[in-house]
Structures are given as C-alpha cells and as structure tokens.
Amino acid sequence: MNARQADELVEVRILGMPVAAYQRACQYDEELLRELMLAASRPPGAGCLPPAGLTALIDELGQGFPQYTDVPQADVEAARARGAETVDLALLVGPEVGARAAGFLESLACAEDLCRQGELLTLAAPPDVVELREWYLGQIVDQIEGRAPTAWVERSSVTESS
C-alpha cells in the first residue's frame, strides 16, 4: 500500500458497473448472508451444528462491507430507472478499506466453498456474480494501492444476461 495518512480518503472509481449484474450479485449475497445468519442462530441442541468457522465468517460478512452494497445502491437504482445498462460510481474510502475489501472477498470465497460442499442450502454463486465481486472489490484494493481504474468491459469475459 502507498504511504497514506490514516485519515486521508481515497476516491475509488468504479467504471462501467453493469447494473443488472450488480443487482443479481447483491440479491445473491443477501440470500447467502441470510442463510449464514440463520445457521449461526440455531441453538446448540437444535440438530445440525453450523460448520466450523461459521461464526467468524458471519461476523466478517455480517459487519458488512457498506461500499459493496449500500454506498452505490442509490446510483445503481437511478441508472436502472433511466434504463442505463452501466453506471460509473465514485466511492470515497479510507486507506484501511483495501484490506477490508480483500478480507471480505476471502470470506465470500469461504462461504462459496460451504455452498459447493453442501453445508448450506444456498447454491454457489454463478460465474458472473463471482467475477463481478472480484472485479469490484479488486478495484477498491487496486486503486487504494495507487493503480488506475479498470472498467468492467476492459476486464470482463462474462456476457451479462438479464
């Protein structure tokens, strides 16, 4: 990471966010988090125990990563209302958010492993959701580290389907 003051905000530019894919990713992630929270809320004697490490995973995902869903949501909704297929976003974040974005992506990958192993009812995320997550969160990490933004179309090999 570049030497930055702890209180310095960094502008992260998300160029060409595909509106429909972003909304699918948010919907999927909300379903996943809901199931993780439900699994963790079971009393110890209520049948199946949650998979090992689930509590830590839920803490990481449950604390949320507001820039992933909350911050751009209004801009994405406005773009959808206009009928736009893509939207450019600008996020102001502290330099510590880069590490949180990387950790959040790692936690989502762990949750996906649980889905693939059948530990959760939620199916593993489709490839376009995974690719969008990796690009979006990767943009945050990269730009905090001083790299230039990369637009979705410059990076994506997944075609968006509505």
N, C-alpha and C. Protein backbone atom coordinates (compact mmCIF):
# COMPACT_ATOMS: atom_id res chain seq x y z
N MET A 1 0.85 -1.17 0.00
CA MET A 1 0.00 0.00 0.00
C MET A 1 0.89 1.22 0.00
N ASN A 2 0.46 2.28 -0.69
CA ASN A 2 1.20 3.54 -0.67
C ASN A 2 1.18 4.11 0.72
N ALA A 3 2.20 4.90 1.03
CA ALA A 3 2.22 5.56 2.34
C ALA A 3 1.15 6.64 2.33
N ARG A 4 0.11 6.44 3.07
CA ARG A 4 -1.01 7.39 3.14
C ARG A 4 -1.31 7.66 4.60
N GLN A 5 -1.77 8.85 4.85
CA GLN A 5 -2.22 9.20 6.19
C GLN A 5 -3.47 8.38 6.50
N ALA A 6 -3.63 7.95 7.74
CA ALA A 6 -4.78 7.12 8.13
C ALA A 6 -6.10 7.83 7.88
N ASP A 7 -6.11 9.17 7.97
CA ASP A 7 -7.38 9.90 7.81
C ASP A 7 -7.60 10.39 6.38
N GLU A 8 -6.71 10.08 5.45
CA GLU A 8 -6.84 10.52 4.07
C GLU A 8 -7.84 9.63 3.34
N LEU A 9 -8.79 10.25 2.66
CA LEU A 9 -9.75 9.49 1.88
C LEU A 9 -9.23 9.30 0.47
N VAL A 10 -9.56 8.18 -0.10
CA VAL A 10 -9.15 7.84 -1.45
C VAL A 10 -10.41 7.75 -2.30
N GLU A 11 -10.39 8.38 -3.48
CA GLU A 11 -11.52 8.22 -4.39
C GLU A 11 -11.29 6.97 -5.23
N VAL A 12 -12.23 6.06 -5.15
CA VAL A 12 -12.20 4.84 -5.95
C VAL A 12 -13.27 5.00 -7.02
N ARG A 13 -12.86 4.85 -8.27
CA ARG A 13 -13.79 4.99 -9.39
C ARG A 13 -14.11 3.62 -9.95
N ILE A 14 -15.38 3.29 -9.95
CA ILE A 14 -15.87 2.03 -10.49
C ILE A 14 -16.50 2.37 -11.84
N LEU A 15 -15.83 1.99 -12.91
CA LEU A 15 -16.22 2.41 -14.25
C LEU A 15 -16.99 1.32 -14.99
N GLY A 16 -18.19 1.68 -15.42
CA GLY A 16 -18.99 0.75 -16.21
C GLY A 16 -19.58 -0.41 -15.44
N MET A 17 -19.97 -0.16 -14.18
CA MET A 17 -20.61 -1.21 -13.38
C MET A 17 -21.87 -1.68 -14.12
N PRO A 18 -21.96 -2.96 -14.47
CA PRO A 18 -23.17 -3.45 -15.13
C PRO A 18 -24.33 -3.51 -14.12
N VAL A 19 -25.36 -2.73 -14.40
CA VAL A 19 -26.47 -2.55 -13.45
C VAL A 19 -27.15 -3.88 -13.12
N ALA A 20 -27.55 -4.63 -14.13
CA ALA A 20 -28.29 -5.88 -13.87
C ALA A 20 -27.41 -6.89 -13.13
N ALA A 21 -26.15 -7.00 -13.51
CA ALA A 21 -25.25 -7.95 -12.83
C ALA A 21 -25.02 -7.53 -11.39
N TYR A 22 -24.89 -6.23 -11.14
CA TYR A 22 -24.71 -5.74 -9.77
C TYR A 22 -25.92 -6.10 -8.92
N GLN A 23 -27.12 -5.90 -9.47
CA GLN A 23 -28.33 -6.21 -8.72
C GLN A 23 -28.44 -7.71 -8.45
N ARG A 24 -28.07 -8.55 -9.42
CA ARG A 24 -28.07 -10.01 -9.20
C ARG A 24 -27.07 -10.38 -8.10
N ALA A 25 -25.90 -9.78 -8.13
CA ALA A 25 -24.88 -10.08 -7.13
C ALA A 25 -25.36 -9.68 -5.74
N CYS A 26 -25.97 -8.51 -5.62
CA CYS A 26 -26.48 -8.07 -4.32
C CYS A 26 -27.57 -9.00 -3.81
N GLN A 27 -28.47 -9.41 -4.71
CA GLN A 27 -29.55 -10.31 -4.31
C GLN A 27 -28.97 -11.65 -3.84
N TYR A 28 -28.02 -12.18 -4.59
CA TYR A 28 -27.41 -13.44 -4.20
C TYR A 28 -26.72 -13.31 -2.84
N ASP A 29 -25.94 -12.24 -2.67
CA ASP A 29 -25.19 -12.06 -1.43
C ASP A 29 -26.12 -11.88 -0.23
N GLU A 30 -27.25 -11.21 -0.43
CA GLU A 30 -28.23 -11.06 0.65
C GLU A 30 -28.80 -12.42 1.04
N GLU A 31 -29.10 -13.27 0.05
CA GLU A 31 -29.61 -14.62 0.34
C GLU A 31 -28.57 -15.44 1.10
N LEU A 32 -27.33 -15.35 0.67
CA LEU A 32 -26.25 -16.09 1.32
C LEU A 32 -26.08 -15.63 2.77
N LEU A 33 -26.05 -14.34 2.99
CA LEU A 33 -25.88 -13.81 4.34
C LEU A 33 -27.06 -14.20 5.23
N ARG A 34 -28.27 -14.16 4.67
CA ARG A 34 -29.46 -14.55 5.43
C ARG A 34 -29.33 -16.00 5.90
N GLU A 35 -28.90 -16.88 5.00
CA GLU A 35 -28.77 -18.29 5.39
C GLU A 35 -27.65 -18.47 6.41
N LEU A 36 -26.54 -17.78 6.24
CA LEU A 36 -25.44 -17.89 7.20
C LEU A 36 -25.89 -17.44 8.58
N MET A 37 -26.63 -16.35 8.64
CA MET A 37 -27.11 -15.84 9.93
C MET A 37 -28.10 -16.81 10.56
N LEU A 38 -28.96 -17.40 9.74
CA LEU A 38 -29.92 -18.38 10.24
C LEU A 38 -29.19 -19.61 10.79
N ALA A 39 -28.19 -20.09 10.06
CA ALA A 39 -27.42 -21.26 10.51
C ALA A 39 -26.72 -20.98 11.83
N ALA A 40 -26.19 -19.78 11.98
CA ALA A 40 -25.46 -19.44 13.21
C ALA A 40 -26.39 -19.20 14.38
N SER A 41 -27.66 -18.90 14.12
CA SER A 41 -28.59 -18.58 15.21
C SER A 41 -29.23 -19.82 15.83
N ARG A 42 -28.99 -20.99 15.25
CA ARG A 42 -29.57 -22.22 15.82
C ARG A 42 -29.01 -22.48 17.21
N PRO A 43 -29.88 -22.85 18.14
CA PRO A 43 -29.37 -23.23 19.46
C PRO A 43 -28.52 -24.50 19.34
N PRO A 44 -27.55 -24.68 20.24
CA PRO A 44 -26.64 -25.83 20.14
C PRO A 44 -27.34 -27.18 20.04
N GLY A 45 -28.47 -27.39 20.68
CA GLY A 45 -29.13 -28.70 20.65
C GLY A 45 -30.17 -28.83 19.55
N ALA A 46 -30.20 -27.94 18.59
CA ALA A 46 -31.27 -27.92 17.60
C ALA A 46 -30.92 -28.67 16.32
N GLY A 47 -30.25 -29.76 16.43
CA GLY A 47 -29.94 -30.53 15.23
C GLY A 47 -28.54 -30.24 14.73
N CYS A 48 -28.43 -30.04 13.45
CA CYS A 48 -27.12 -29.81 12.83
C CYS A 48 -26.43 -28.59 13.41
N LEU A 49 -25.18 -28.76 13.72
CA LEU A 49 -24.37 -27.62 14.16
C LEU A 49 -23.87 -26.88 12.93
N PRO A 50 -23.71 -25.57 13.05
CA PRO A 50 -23.15 -24.84 11.91
C PRO A 50 -21.73 -25.33 11.62
N PRO A 51 -21.31 -25.27 10.36
CA PRO A 51 -19.95 -25.69 10.03
C PRO A 51 -18.91 -24.91 10.83
N ALA A 52 -17.77 -25.54 11.08
CA ALA A 52 -16.69 -24.89 11.83
C ALA A 52 -16.30 -23.59 11.15
N GLY A 53 -16.03 -22.58 11.96
CA GLY A 53 -15.60 -21.30 11.43
C GLY A 53 -16.73 -20.41 10.95
N LEU A 54 -17.96 -20.91 11.04
CA LEU A 54 -19.09 -20.13 10.53
C LEU A 54 -19.29 -18.84 11.30
N THR A 55 -19.10 -18.87 12.60
CA THR A 55 -19.31 -17.66 13.40
C THR A 55 -18.38 -16.55 12.96
N ALA A 56 -17.10 -16.86 12.77
CA ALA A 56 -16.15 -15.84 12.32
C ALA A 56 -16.51 -15.34 10.93
N LEU A 57 -16.95 -16.25 10.07
CA LEU A 57 -17.34 -15.88 8.72
C LEU A 57 -18.54 -14.94 8.75
N ILE A 58 -19.53 -15.26 9.57
CA ILE A 58 -20.71 -14.41 9.67
C ILE A 58 -20.35 -13.05 10.23
N ASP A 59 -19.46 -13.04 11.22
CA ASP A 59 -19.02 -11.75 11.76
C ASP A 59 -18.43 -10.88 10.65
N GLU A 60 -17.56 -11.46 9.84
CA GLU A 60 -16.92 -10.70 8.76
C GLU A 60 -17.95 -10.23 7.74
N LEU A 61 -18.82 -11.14 7.29
CA LEU A 61 -19.80 -10.77 6.28
C LEU A 61 -20.93 -9.93 6.88
N GLY A 62 -21.30 -10.23 8.12
CA GLY A 62 -22.40 -9.52 8.77
C GLY A 62 -22.06 -8.08 9.10
N GLN A 63 -20.80 -7.83 9.47
CA GLN A 63 -20.39 -6.45 9.70
C GLN A 63 -20.56 -5.69 8.40
N GLY A 64 -20.52 -6.46 7.35
CA GLY A 64 -20.78 -5.90 6.05
C GLY A 64 -19.62 -5.12 5.51
N PHE A 65 -19.74 -4.84 4.33
CA PHE A 65 -18.79 -4.00 3.63
C PHE A 65 -19.67 -2.99 2.94
N PRO A 66 -20.00 -1.88 3.64
CA PRO A 66 -21.01 -0.96 3.13
C PRO A 66 -20.75 -0.48 1.72
N GLN A 67 -19.50 -0.33 1.34
CA GLN A 67 -19.22 0.14 -0.02
C GLN A 67 -19.64 -0.89 -1.06
N TYR A 68 -19.79 -2.15 -0.66
CA TYR A 68 -20.17 -3.19 -1.62
C TYR A 68 -21.64 -3.08 -2.00
N THR A 69 -22.49 -2.73 -1.05
CA THR A 69 -23.92 -2.69 -1.36
C THR A 69 -24.57 -1.35 -1.08
N ASP A 70 -24.34 -0.77 0.09
CA ASP A 70 -25.08 0.41 0.49
C ASP A 70 -24.70 1.67 -0.28
N VAL A 71 -23.43 1.95 -0.38
CA VAL A 71 -22.99 3.21 -0.97
C VAL A 71 -23.44 3.36 -2.42
N PRO A 72 -23.15 2.38 -3.29
CA PRO A 72 -23.53 2.58 -4.69
C PRO A 72 -24.99 2.30 -5.01
N GLN A 73 -25.76 1.79 -4.06
CA GLN A 73 -27.11 1.34 -4.37
C GLN A 73 -27.97 2.46 -4.97
N ALA A 74 -27.91 3.67 -4.42
CA ALA A 74 -28.73 4.77 -4.94
C ALA A 74 -28.35 5.09 -6.38
N ASP A 75 -27.05 5.10 -6.68
CA ASP A 75 -26.61 5.39 -8.05
C ASP A 75 -27.03 4.27 -9.01
N VAL A 76 -26.95 3.04 -8.55
CA VAL A 76 -27.34 1.91 -9.39
C VAL A 76 -28.85 1.95 -9.64
N GLU A 77 -29.62 2.24 -8.60
CA GLU A 77 -31.09 2.33 -8.76
C GLU A 77 -31.46 3.45 -9.73
N ALA A 78 -30.79 4.60 -9.63
CA ALA A 78 -31.06 5.71 -10.54
C ALA A 78 -30.72 5.32 -11.98
N ALA A 79 -29.63 4.61 -12.17
CA ALA A 79 -29.25 4.15 -13.50
C ALA A 79 -30.28 3.17 -14.05
N ARG A 80 -30.74 2.27 -13.20
CA ARG A 80 -31.77 1.31 -13.62
C ARG A 80 -33.04 2.03 -14.03
N ALA A 81 -33.44 3.04 -13.25
CA ALA A 81 -34.65 3.80 -13.55
C ALA A 81 -34.53 4.54 -14.89
N ARG A 82 -33.32 4.97 -15.23
CA ARG A 82 -33.08 5.65 -16.51
C ARG A 82 -32.98 4.65 -17.66
N GLY A 83 -32.91 3.38 -17.34
CA GLY A 83 -32.76 2.36 -18.37
C GLY A 83 -31.31 2.15 -18.80
N ALA A 84 -30.37 2.66 -18.01
CA ALA A 84 -28.95 2.51 -18.34
C ALA A 84 -28.49 1.09 -18.04
N GLU A 85 -27.63 0.57 -18.88
CA GLU A 85 -27.09 -0.77 -18.66
C GLU A 85 -25.88 -0.74 -17.73
N THR A 86 -25.17 0.38 -17.70
CA THR A 86 -24.00 0.51 -16.84
C THR A 86 -24.04 1.84 -16.11
N VAL A 87 -23.23 1.94 -15.06
CA VAL A 87 -23.14 3.17 -14.28
C VAL A 87 -21.71 3.31 -13.77
N ASP A 88 -21.24 4.54 -13.75
CA ASP A 88 -19.94 4.83 -13.13
C ASP A 88 -20.19 5.27 -11.70
N LEU A 89 -19.38 4.78 -10.78
CA LEU A 89 -19.54 5.10 -9.36
C LEU A 89 -18.25 5.72 -8.85
N ALA A 90 -18.40 6.59 -7.87
CA ALA A 90 -17.24 7.16 -7.18
C ALA A 90 -17.44 6.95 -5.69
N LEU A 91 -16.49 6.28 -5.06
CA LEU A 91 -16.56 5.99 -3.63
C LEU A 91 -15.41 6.70 -2.95
N LEU A 92 -15.67 7.34 -1.83
CA LEU A 92 -14.61 7.91 -1.00
C LEU A 92 -14.41 6.98 0.17
N VAL A 93 -13.23 6.39 0.26
CA VAL A 93 -12.95 5.41 1.30
C VAL A 93 -11.62 5.71 1.97
N GLY A 94 -11.49 5.24 3.19
CA GLY A 94 -10.21 5.34 3.89
C GLY A 94 -9.26 4.28 3.38
N PRO A 95 -7.97 4.48 3.54
CA PRO A 95 -7.00 3.51 3.04
C PRO A 95 -7.13 2.12 3.66
N GLU A 96 -7.71 2.03 4.86
CA GLU A 96 -7.88 0.73 5.52
C GLU A 96 -8.92 -0.14 4.83
N VAL A 97 -9.74 0.46 3.99
CA VAL A 97 -10.81 -0.27 3.31
C VAL A 97 -10.25 -1.28 2.32
N GLY A 98 -9.05 -1.05 1.82
CA GLY A 98 -8.44 -2.02 0.90
C GLY A 98 -8.28 -3.38 1.54
N ALA A 99 -7.76 -3.40 2.76
CA ALA A 99 -7.59 -4.67 3.48
C ALA A 99 -8.94 -5.29 3.80
N ARG A 100 -9.92 -4.45 4.13
CA ARG A 100 -11.26 -4.98 4.42
C ARG A 100 -11.88 -5.57 3.16
N ALA A 101 -11.68 -4.92 2.01
CA ALA A 101 -12.22 -5.44 0.75
C ALA A 101 -11.61 -6.80 0.43
N ALA A 102 -10.30 -6.92 0.62
CA ALA A 102 -9.63 -8.20 0.36
C ALA A 102 -10.13 -9.27 1.32
N GLY A 103 -10.31 -8.91 2.59
CA GLY A 103 -10.83 -9.85 3.58
C GLY A 103 -12.26 -10.26 3.30
N PHE A 104 -13.06 -9.30 2.84
CA PHE A 104 -14.45 -9.57 2.51
C PHE A 104 -14.52 -10.56 1.35
N LEU A 105 -13.68 -10.35 0.34
CA LEU A 105 -13.65 -11.25 -0.81
C LEU A 105 -13.23 -12.66 -0.38
N GLU A 106 -12.28 -12.74 0.52
CA GLU A 106 -11.83 -14.03 1.05
C GLU A 106 -12.97 -14.73 1.81
N SER A 107 -13.70 -13.96 2.62
CA SER A 107 -14.82 -14.52 3.37
C SER A 107 -15.92 -15.01 2.44
N LEU A 108 -16.19 -14.25 1.38
CA LEU A 108 -17.19 -14.70 0.41
C LEU A 108 -16.74 -16.00 -0.26
N ALA A 109 -15.46 -16.12 -0.55
CA ALA A 109 -14.94 -17.36 -1.15
C ALA A 109 -15.12 -18.54 -0.19
N CYS A 110 -14.90 -18.31 1.11
CA CYS A 110 -15.12 -19.37 2.11
C CYS A 110 -16.60 -19.78 2.15
N ALA A 111 -17.48 -18.80 2.09
CA ALA A 111 -18.91 -19.09 2.08
C ALA A 111 -19.28 -19.88 0.83
N GLU A 112 -18.68 -19.53 -0.29
CA GLU A 112 -18.93 -20.26 -1.54
C GLU A 112 -18.49 -21.72 -1.41
N ASP A 113 -17.36 -21.94 -0.74
CA ASP A 113 -16.90 -23.31 -0.51
C ASP A 113 -17.94 -24.10 0.28
N LEU A 114 -18.52 -23.47 1.30
CA LEU A 114 -19.57 -24.13 2.09
C LEU A 114 -20.77 -24.47 1.20
N CYS A 115 -21.12 -23.57 0.28
CA CYS A 115 -22.23 -23.84 -0.64
C CYS A 115 -21.91 -25.03 -1.54
N ARG A 116 -20.72 -25.05 -2.10
CA ARG A 116 -20.32 -26.14 -3.01
C ARG A 116 -20.24 -27.48 -2.28
N GLN A 117 -19.87 -27.46 -0.99
CA GLN A 117 -19.75 -28.69 -0.21
C GLN A 117 -21.10 -29.17 0.31
N GLY A 118 -22.16 -28.41 0.06
CA GLY A 118 -23.48 -28.80 0.52
C GLY A 118 -23.74 -28.49 1.98
N GLU A 119 -22.88 -27.70 2.60
CA GLU A 119 -23.07 -27.32 4.01
C GLU A 119 -24.19 -26.28 4.14
N LEU A 120 -24.49 -25.59 3.06
CA LEU A 120 -25.55 -24.59 3.04
C LEU A 120 -26.54 -24.94 1.93
N LEU A 121 -27.77 -24.48 2.07
CA LEU A 121 -28.78 -24.71 1.04
C LEU A 121 -28.60 -23.78 -0.15
N THR A 122 -28.06 -22.60 0.10
CA THR A 122 -27.83 -21.64 -0.97
C THR A 122 -26.84 -22.24 -1.95
N LEU A 123 -27.15 -22.13 -3.23
CA LEU A 123 -26.24 -22.63 -4.25
C LEU A 123 -25.04 -21.71 -4.36
N ALA A 124 -23.94 -22.25 -4.84
CA ALA A 124 -22.75 -21.42 -5.08
C ALA A 124 -23.11 -20.34 -6.10
N ALA A 125 -22.47 -19.20 -5.97
CA ALA A 125 -22.74 -18.07 -6.86
C ALA A 125 -22.42 -18.44 -8.30
N PRO A 126 -23.24 -17.94 -9.22
CA PRO A 126 -22.93 -18.16 -10.64
C PRO A 126 -21.65 -17.40 -11.03
N PRO A 127 -21.01 -17.82 -12.11
CA PRO A 127 -19.74 -17.21 -12.50
C PRO A 127 -19.79 -15.69 -12.67
N ASP A 128 -20.90 -15.15 -13.18
CA ASP A 128 -20.94 -13.69 -13.37
C ASP A 128 -20.96 -12.95 -12.04
N VAL A 129 -21.57 -13.53 -11.02
CA VAL A 129 -21.59 -12.92 -9.69
C VAL A 129 -20.19 -12.94 -9.09
N VAL A 130 -19.51 -14.07 -9.20
CA VAL A 130 -18.15 -14.18 -8.67
C VAL A 130 -17.23 -13.20 -9.40
N GLU A 131 -17.35 -13.14 -10.71
CA GLU A 131 -16.49 -12.23 -11.49
C GLU A 131 -16.74 -10.78 -11.12
N LEU A 132 -18.00 -10.41 -10.93
CA LEU A 132 -18.32 -9.03 -10.56
C LEU A 132 -17.75 -8.70 -9.18
N ARG A 133 -17.91 -9.59 -8.23
CA ARG A 133 -17.34 -9.39 -6.89
C ARG A 133 -15.83 -9.15 -6.96
N GLU A 134 -15.17 -10.07 -7.68
CA GLU A 134 -13.71 -9.99 -7.76
C GLU A 134 -13.26 -8.70 -8.42
N TRP A 135 -13.95 -8.30 -9.47
CA TRP A 135 -13.60 -7.05 -10.16
C TRP A 135 -13.87 -5.85 -9.25
N TYR A 136 -15.07 -5.79 -8.68
CA TYR A 136 -15.48 -4.64 -7.87
C TYR A 136 -14.58 -4.47 -6.65
N LEU A 137 -14.44 -5.52 -5.88
CA LEU A 137 -13.60 -5.43 -4.68
C LEU A 137 -12.13 -5.28 -5.06
N GLY A 138 -11.73 -5.90 -6.15
CA GLY A 138 -10.36 -5.74 -6.64
C GLY A 138 -10.06 -4.31 -7.05
N GLN A 139 -11.06 -3.63 -7.61
CA GLN A 139 -10.88 -2.22 -7.97
C GLN A 139 -10.61 -1.37 -6.73
N ILE A 140 -11.30 -1.68 -5.66
CA ILE A 140 -11.09 -0.94 -4.42
C ILE A 140 -9.66 -1.16 -3.93
N VAL A 141 -9.24 -2.41 -3.87
CA VAL A 141 -7.88 -2.73 -3.41
C VAL A 141 -6.85 -2.06 -4.33
N ASP A 142 -7.01 -2.27 -5.64
CA ASP A 142 -6.03 -1.75 -6.60
C ASP A 142 -5.91 -0.23 -6.54
N GLN A 143 -7.04 0.46 -6.50
CA GLN A 143 -6.98 1.92 -6.53
C GLN A 143 -6.45 2.49 -5.22
N ILE A 144 -6.74 1.86 -4.11
CA ILE A 144 -6.17 2.31 -2.84
C ILE A 144 -4.65 2.14 -2.88
N GLU A 145 -4.19 1.11 -3.59
CA GLU A 145 -2.75 0.89 -3.73
C GLU A 145 -2.13 1.75 -4.83
N GLY A 146 -2.93 2.62 -5.45
CA GLY A 146 -2.40 3.57 -6.41
C GLY A 146 -2.52 3.19 -7.87
N ARG A 147 -3.15 2.07 -8.18
CA ARG A 147 -3.31 1.68 -9.58
C ARG A 147 -4.52 2.39 -10.19
N ALA A 148 -4.50 2.53 -11.50
CA ALA A 148 -5.58 3.19 -12.23
C ALA A 148 -6.81 2.28 -12.29
N PRO A 149 -8.00 2.89 -12.40
CA PRO A 149 -9.22 2.08 -12.52
C PRO A 149 -9.23 1.28 -13.83
N THR A 150 -9.88 0.13 -13.77
CA THR A 150 -10.10 -0.70 -14.94
C THR A 150 -11.61 -0.85 -15.10
N ALA A 151 -12.13 -0.43 -16.24
CA ALA A 151 -13.57 -0.54 -16.49
C ALA A 151 -13.97 -2.01 -16.62
N TRP A 152 -15.21 -2.30 -16.29
CA TRP A 152 -15.75 -3.66 -16.37
C TRP A 152 -15.51 -4.26 -17.76
N VAL A 153 -15.81 -3.51 -18.81
CA VAL A 153 -15.68 -4.06 -20.17
C VAL A 153 -14.24 -4.36 -20.54
N GLU A 154 -13.29 -3.69 -19.90
CA GLU A 154 -11.88 -3.95 -20.17
C GLU A 154 -11.41 -5.22 -19.48
N ARG A 155 -12.17 -5.73 -18.56
CA ARG A 155 -11.76 -6.84 -17.72
C ARG A 155 -12.64 -8.06 -17.88
N SER A 156 -13.89 -7.85 -18.23
CA SER A 156 -14.88 -8.91 -18.16
C SER A 156 -14.91 -9.79 -19.41
N SER A 157 -15.07 -11.08 -19.18
CA SER A 157 -15.29 -12.01 -20.28
C SER A 157 -16.67 -12.63 -20.18
N VAL A 158 -17.41 -12.24 -19.14
CA VAL A 158 -18.75 -12.78 -18.94
C VAL A 158 -19.75 -11.83 -19.58
N THR A 159 -20.62 -12.35 -20.43
CA THR A 159 -21.65 -11.51 -21.01
C THR A 159 -22.83 -11.45 -20.06
N GLU A 160 -23.34 -10.25 -19.92
CA GLU A 160 -24.45 -10.03 -18.99
C GLU A 160 -25.75 -10.52 -19.63
N SER A 161 -26.53 -11.25 -18.84
CA SER A 161 -27.85 -11.66 -19.29
C SER A 161 -28.85 -11.25 -18.24
N SER A 162 -29.94 -10.71 -18.65
CA SER A 162 -30.94 -10.21 -17.69
C SER A 162 -31.95 -11.26 -17.35
